[in-house]
């Protein structure tokens, strides 16, 4: 596998995961009560716990996205 193929791979990974992150944040920002009601129908949680879980999951996803998608993509752009 050459550097160009890896660069394209990480470019598409970054685009796809970035899009998922933006959709997740937008849904939570625009319809938090709807999402809370849908989730608590399956997993009953108090609102404070639910908010902490959602914010923690968003933070974890963002960190993983940065370290495993953006950083390798930028590094490949630099060496390519």
C-alpha atoms as a PDB file:
ATOM      1  CA  UNK A   1       0.000   0.000   0.000  1.00  0.00           C
ATOM      2  CA  UNK A   2       1.410   3.377  -0.963  1.00  0.00           C
ATOM      3  CA  UNK A   3       1.176   6.761   0.737  1.00  0.00           C
ATOM      4  CA  UNK A   4      -1.425   8.084  -1.709  1.00  0.00           C
ATOM      5  CA  UNK A   5      -3.809   5.211  -0.941  1.00  0.00           C
ATOM      6  CA  UNK A   6      -3.341   5.671   2.809  1.00  0.00           C
ATOM      7  CA  UNK A   7      -3.901   9.412   2.469  1.00  0.00           C
ATOM      8  CA  UNK A   8      -7.159   8.831   0.566  1.00  0.00           C
ATOM      9  CA  UNK A   9      -8.222   6.246   3.175  1.00  0.00           C
ATOM     10  CA  UNK A  10      -7.664   8.628   6.081  1.00  0.00           C
ATOM     11  CA  UNK A  11      -9.272  11.478   4.162  1.00  0.00           C
ATOM     12  CA  UNK A  12     -12.488   9.473   3.753  1.00  0.00           C
ATOM     13  CA  UNK A  13     -12.319   8.234   7.354  1.00  0.00           C
ATOM     14  CA  UNK A  14     -12.045  11.845   8.496  1.00  0.00           C
ATOM     15  CA  UNK A  15     -14.950  12.962   6.306  1.00  0.00           C
ATOM     16  CA  UNK A  16     -17.238  10.111   7.374  1.00  0.00           C
ATOM     17  CA  UNK A  17     -16.446  10.289  11.097  1.00  0.00           C
ATOM     18  CA  UNK A  18     -16.578  14.090  11.074  1.00  0.00           C
ATOM     19  CA  UNK A  19     -20.012  13.925   9.460  1.00  0.00           C
ATOM     20  CA  UNK A  20     -21.220  11.444  12.077  1.00  0.00           C
ATOM     21  CA  UNK A  21     -19.938  13.710  14.836  1.00  0.00           C
ATOM     22  CA  UNK A  22     -21.648  16.775  13.359  1.00  0.00           C
ATOM     23  CA  UNK A  23     -24.948  14.898  12.983  1.00  0.00           C
ATOM     24  CA  UNK A  24     -24.716  13.619  16.558  1.00  0.00           C
ATOM     25  CA  UNK A  25     -24.041  17.103  17.953  1.00  0.00           C
ATOM     26  CA  UNK A  26     -26.769  18.650  15.782  1.00  0.00           C
ATOM     27  CA  UNK A  27     -29.361  16.093  16.867  1.00  0.00           C
ATOM     28  CA  UNK A  28     -28.496  16.570  20.506  1.00  0.00           C
ATOM     29  CA  UNK A  29     -28.498  20.369  20.166  1.00  0.00           C
ATOM     30  CA  UNK A  30     -31.757  20.598  18.190  1.00  0.00           C
ATOM     31  CA  UNK A  31     -33.865  17.865  19.813  1.00  0.00           C
ATOM     32  CA  UNK A  32     -32.479  16.964  23.246  1.00  0.00           C
ATOM     33  CA  UNK A  33     -35.853  16.154  24.797  1.00  0.00           C
ATOM     34  CA  UNK A  34     -36.882  13.880  21.945  1.00  0.00           C
ATOM     35  CA  UNK A  35     -33.624  11.964  22.097  1.00  0.00           C
ATOM     36  CA  UNK A  36     -33.830  11.754  25.893  1.00  0.00           C
ATOM     37  CA  UNK A  37     -37.366  10.321  25.739  1.00  0.00           C
ATOM     38  CA  UNK A  38     -36.353   7.789  23.072  1.00  0.00           C
ATOM     39  CA  UNK A  39     -33.294   6.644  25.029  1.00  0.00           C
ATOM     40  CA  UNK A  40     -34.992   6.462  28.415  1.00  0.00           C
ATOM     41  CA  UNK A  41     -37.699   4.242  26.961  1.00  0.00           C
ATOM     42  CA  UNK A  42     -34.957   1.617  26.548  1.00  0.00           C
ATOM     43  CA  UNK A  43     -32.521   2.614  29.328  1.00  0.00           C
ATOM     44  CA  UNK A  44     -34.226   4.499  32.164  1.00  0.00           C
ATOM     45  CA  UNK A  45     -31.807   7.119  33.505  1.00  0.00           C
ATOM     46  CA  UNK A  46     -32.207  10.395  35.381  1.00  0.00           C
ATOM     47  CA  UNK A  47     -31.689  13.454  33.190  1.00  0.00           C
ATOM     48  CA  UNK A  48     -28.443  14.478  34.938  1.00  0.00           C
ATOM     49  CA  UNK A  49     -26.907  11.041  34.424  1.00  0.00           C
ATOM     50  CA  UNK A  50     -28.056  10.985  30.806  1.00  0.00           C
ATOM     51  CA  UNK A  51     -26.458  14.383  30.136  1.00  0.00           C
ATOM     52  CA  UNK A  52     -23.193  13.265  31.726  1.00  0.00           C
ATOM     53  CA  UNK A  53     -23.148  10.091  29.624  1.00  0.00           C
ATOM     54  CA  UNK A  54     -23.898  11.964  26.393  1.00  0.00           C
ATOM     55  CA  UNK A  55     -21.256  14.640  27.009  1.00  0.00           C
ATOM     56  CA  UNK A  56     -18.700  11.983  27.983  1.00  0.00           C
ATOM     57  CA  UNK A  57     -19.464   9.962  24.864  1.00  0.00           C
ATOM     58  CA  UNK A  58     -19.177  13.077  22.672  1.00  0.00           C
ATOM     59  CA  UNK A  59     -15.852  13.984  24.266  1.00  0.00           C
ATOM     60  CA  UNK A  60     -14.518  10.442  23.847  1.00  0.00           C
ATOM     61  CA  UNK A  61     -15.639  10.280  20.211  1.00  0.00           C
ATOM     62  CA  UNK A  62     -14.043  13.657  19.511  1.00  0.00           C
ATOM     63  CA  UNK A  63     -10.718  12.602  21.039  1.00  0.00           C
ATOM     64  CA  UNK A  64     -10.679   9.301  19.160  1.00  0.00           C
ATOM     65  CA  UNK A  65     -11.643  11.129  15.963  1.00  0.00           C
ATOM     66  CA  UNK A  66      -8.780  13.594  16.354  1.00  0.00           C
ATOM     67  CA  UNK A  67      -6.115  11.061  17.313  1.00  0.00           C
ATOM     68  CA  UNK A  68      -7.049   8.271  14.910  1.00  0.00           C
ATOM     69  CA  UNK A  69      -8.359  10.202  11.901  1.00  0.00           C
ATOM     70  CA  UNK A  70      -7.153  13.786  11.707  1.00  0.00           C
ATOM     71  CA  UNK A  71      -3.607  13.329  13.051  1.00  0.00           C
ATOM     72  CA  UNK A  72      -2.697  10.427  10.710  1.00  0.00           C
ATOM     73  CA  UNK A  73      -4.272  12.253   7.761  1.00  0.00           C
ATOM     74  CA  UNK A  74      -2.279  15.428   8.432  1.00  0.00           C
ATOM     75  CA  UNK A  75       0.911  13.407   8.986  1.00  0.00           C
ATOM     76  CA  UNK A  76       0.426  11.646   5.643  1.00  0.00           C
ATOM     77  CA  UNK A  77      -0.195  14.980   3.936  1.00  0.00           C
ATOM     78  CA  UNK A  78       3.037  16.311   5.396  1.00  0.00           C
ATOM     79  CA  UNK A  79       5.197  13.347   4.340  1.00  0.00           C
ATOM     80  CA  UNK A  80       3.401  12.876   1.003  1.00  0.00           C
END
